[in-house]
Protein backbone atom coordinates (compact mmCIF):
# COMPACT_ATOMS: atom_id res chain seq x y z
CA UNK A 1 70.44 85.94 167.65
CA UNK A 2 68.52 88.65 169.37
CA UNK A 3 65.36 89.95 167.75
CA UNK A 4 62.50 92.18 168.72
CA UNK A 5 58.93 92.96 167.75
CA UNK A 6 56.85 95.83 169.07
CA UNK A 7 55.96 93.72 172.10
CA UNK A 8 58.86 91.32 172.69
CA UNK A 9 62.64 91.25 172.71
CA UNK A 10 64.78 88.14 173.06
CA UNK A 11 66.35 85.23 171.25
CA UNK A 12 64.88 84.60 167.81
CA UNK A 13 63.03 81.38 168.65
CA UNK A 14 61.64 82.87 171.86
CA UNK A 15 60.23 85.85 169.95
CA UNK A 16 59.13 84.19 166.71
CA UNK A 17 58.51 80.63 167.77
CA UNK A 18 59.86 77.31 166.62
CA UNK A 19 59.32 75.40 163.42
CA UNK A 20 59.84 76.20 159.75
CA UNK A 21 60.65 79.89 159.25
CA UNK A 22 60.69 81.76 155.94
CA UNK A 23 62.47 85.10 156.30
CA UNK A 24 62.93 87.91 153.84
CA UNK A 25 65.28 90.87 154.01
CA UNK A 26 63.14 93.22 151.90
CA UNK A 27 59.62 91.82 152.23
CA UNK A 28 57.66 89.05 153.91
CA UNK A 29 58.22 86.16 151.47
CA UNK A 30 55.03 84.46 152.61
CA UNK A 31 53.06 87.15 150.79
CA UNK A 32 54.61 86.04 147.48
CA UNK A 33 53.59 82.39 147.87
CA UNK A 34 51.00 80.92 145.53
CA UNK A 35 47.91 79.51 147.28
CA UNK A 36 49.15 75.90 147.04
CA UNK A 37 52.56 76.70 148.56
CA UNK A 38 50.99 78.99 151.16
CA UNK A 39 48.59 76.21 152.24
CA UNK A 40 51.37 73.62 152.41
CA UNK A 41 53.63 75.92 154.46
CA UNK A 42 50.73 76.77 156.78
CA UNK A 43 50.03 73.03 157.25
CA UNK A 44 53.54 72.75 158.71
CA UNK A 45 52.88 75.63 161.08
CA UNK A 46 55.38 77.67 159.08
CA UNK A 47 56.08 81.27 160.00
CA UNK A 48 57.08 83.93 157.50
CA UNK A 49 58.25 87.46 158.16
CA UNK A 50 60.40 90.31 156.97
CA UNK A 51 63.39 90.90 159.22
CA UNK A 52 65.52 94.01 159.28
CA UNK A 53 65.52 97.73 159.96
CA UNK A 54 61.99 99.12 160.00
CA UNK A 55 60.48 95.62 159.68
CA UNK A 56 57.97 94.09 162.10
CA UNK A 57 60.80 91.80 163.19
CA UNK A 58 64.01 93.65 164.05
CA UNK A 59 67.40 91.93 164.06
CA UNK A 60 69.05 93.63 167.03
CA UNK A 61 72.54 92.32 166.26
CA UNK A 62 72.43 92.69 162.46
CA UNK A 63 73.29 89.03 161.92
CA UNK A 64 70.47 88.30 159.51
CA UNK A 65 71.30 91.34 157.43
CA UNK A 66 74.94 90.25 157.23
CA UNK A 67 73.85 86.74 156.25
CA UNK A 68 71.61 88.04 153.46
CA UNK A 69 74.36 90.32 152.16
CA UNK A 70 77.15 87.71 152.29
CA UNK A 71 75.01 85.00 150.69
CA UNK A 72 73.67 87.39 148.06
CA UNK A 73 70.07 86.36 148.77
CA UNK A 74 66.90 88.01 150.02
CA UNK A 75 65.07 84.96 151.38
CA UNK A 76 66.09 82.11 153.68
CA UNK A 77 64.10 79.05 154.76
CA UNK A 78 65.19 77.81 158.17
CA UNK A 79 64.44 74.30 159.40
CA UNK A 80 62.99 73.58 162.87
CA UNK A 81 66.50 72.57 164.01
CA UNK A 82 67.72 76.06 162.98
CA UNK A 83 69.75 74.87 159.99
CA UNK A 84 69.25 76.55 156.64
CA UNK A 85 67.10 74.48 154.27
CA UNK A 86 67.60 76.82 151.34
CA UNK A 87 67.81 80.37 150.08
CA UNK A 88 66.31 82.40 147.25
CA UNK A 89 67.39 85.51 145.39
CA UNK A 90 63.98 87.17 145.61
CA UNK A 91 60.27 86.78 146.29
CA UNK A 92 59.65 85.30 142.84
CA UNK A 93 61.75 82.30 143.95
CA UNK A 94 59.89 81.71 147.23
CA UNK A 95 57.42 79.33 145.55
CA UNK A 96 60.25 77.16 144.22
CA UNK A 97 61.82 77.04 147.69
CA UNK A 98 58.58 75.89 149.36
CA UNK A 99 57.96 73.52 146.44
CA UNK A 100 61.35 71.89 147.05
CA UNK A 101 60.48 71.54 150.73
CA UNK A 102 57.14 69.93 149.86
CA UNK A 103 58.79 67.43 147.51
CA UNK A 104 61.35 66.44 150.13
CA UNK A 105 58.82 66.05 152.91
CA UNK A 106 56.24 64.18 150.86
CA UNK A 107 58.49 61.96 148.72
CA UNK A 108 58.62 58.32 149.76
CA UNK A 109 61.81 57.23 151.45
CA UNK A 110 63.96 54.41 149.96
CA UNK A 111 62.62 52.13 152.72
CA UNK A 112 59.02 52.94 151.72
CA UNK A 113 59.81 52.22 148.08
CA UNK A 114 61.46 48.89 149.03
CA UNK A 115 58.40 47.89 151.08
CA UNK A 116 56.10 48.75 148.18
CA UNK A 117 58.18 46.72 145.73
CA UNK A 118 58.07 43.67 148.06
CA UNK A 119 54.31 43.80 148.48
CA UNK A 120 52.38 44.07 151.71
CA UNK A 121 52.79 40.43 152.82
CA UNK A 122 56.51 40.25 152.17
CA UNK A 123 57.21 43.62 153.81
CA UNK A 124 55.60 42.66 157.13
CA UNK A 125 58.19 42.36 159.89
CA UNK A 126 57.51 40.98 163.35
CA UNK A 127 59.20 42.68 166.30
CA UNK A 128 59.60 40.85 169.57
């Protein structure tokens, strides 16, 4: 997807960068984040921006605008591998979206829970 700023034009990840991206069709959703969610998202190197006509980030092909319209949402959170993590209807839902991300990234995995239940000595595995 081709995008542009005042200084650059090119593929989205070349213009914006890579990593977690929080995009809004009507406003920059990062501005609606509570301090805790804003700090967590920043700790991931997350980028937030408004994309669309007249925005700092222009969607040259109109693909983002079509996505927002078809999905009936105003915010999308995109993973570093460019898959959609989640969407939100409006800026008031941006905190819940980042909160869900935080829970998924900070929750222990089933393997971690198994190791904890076994105890430190029993969970030790030797690799040769």
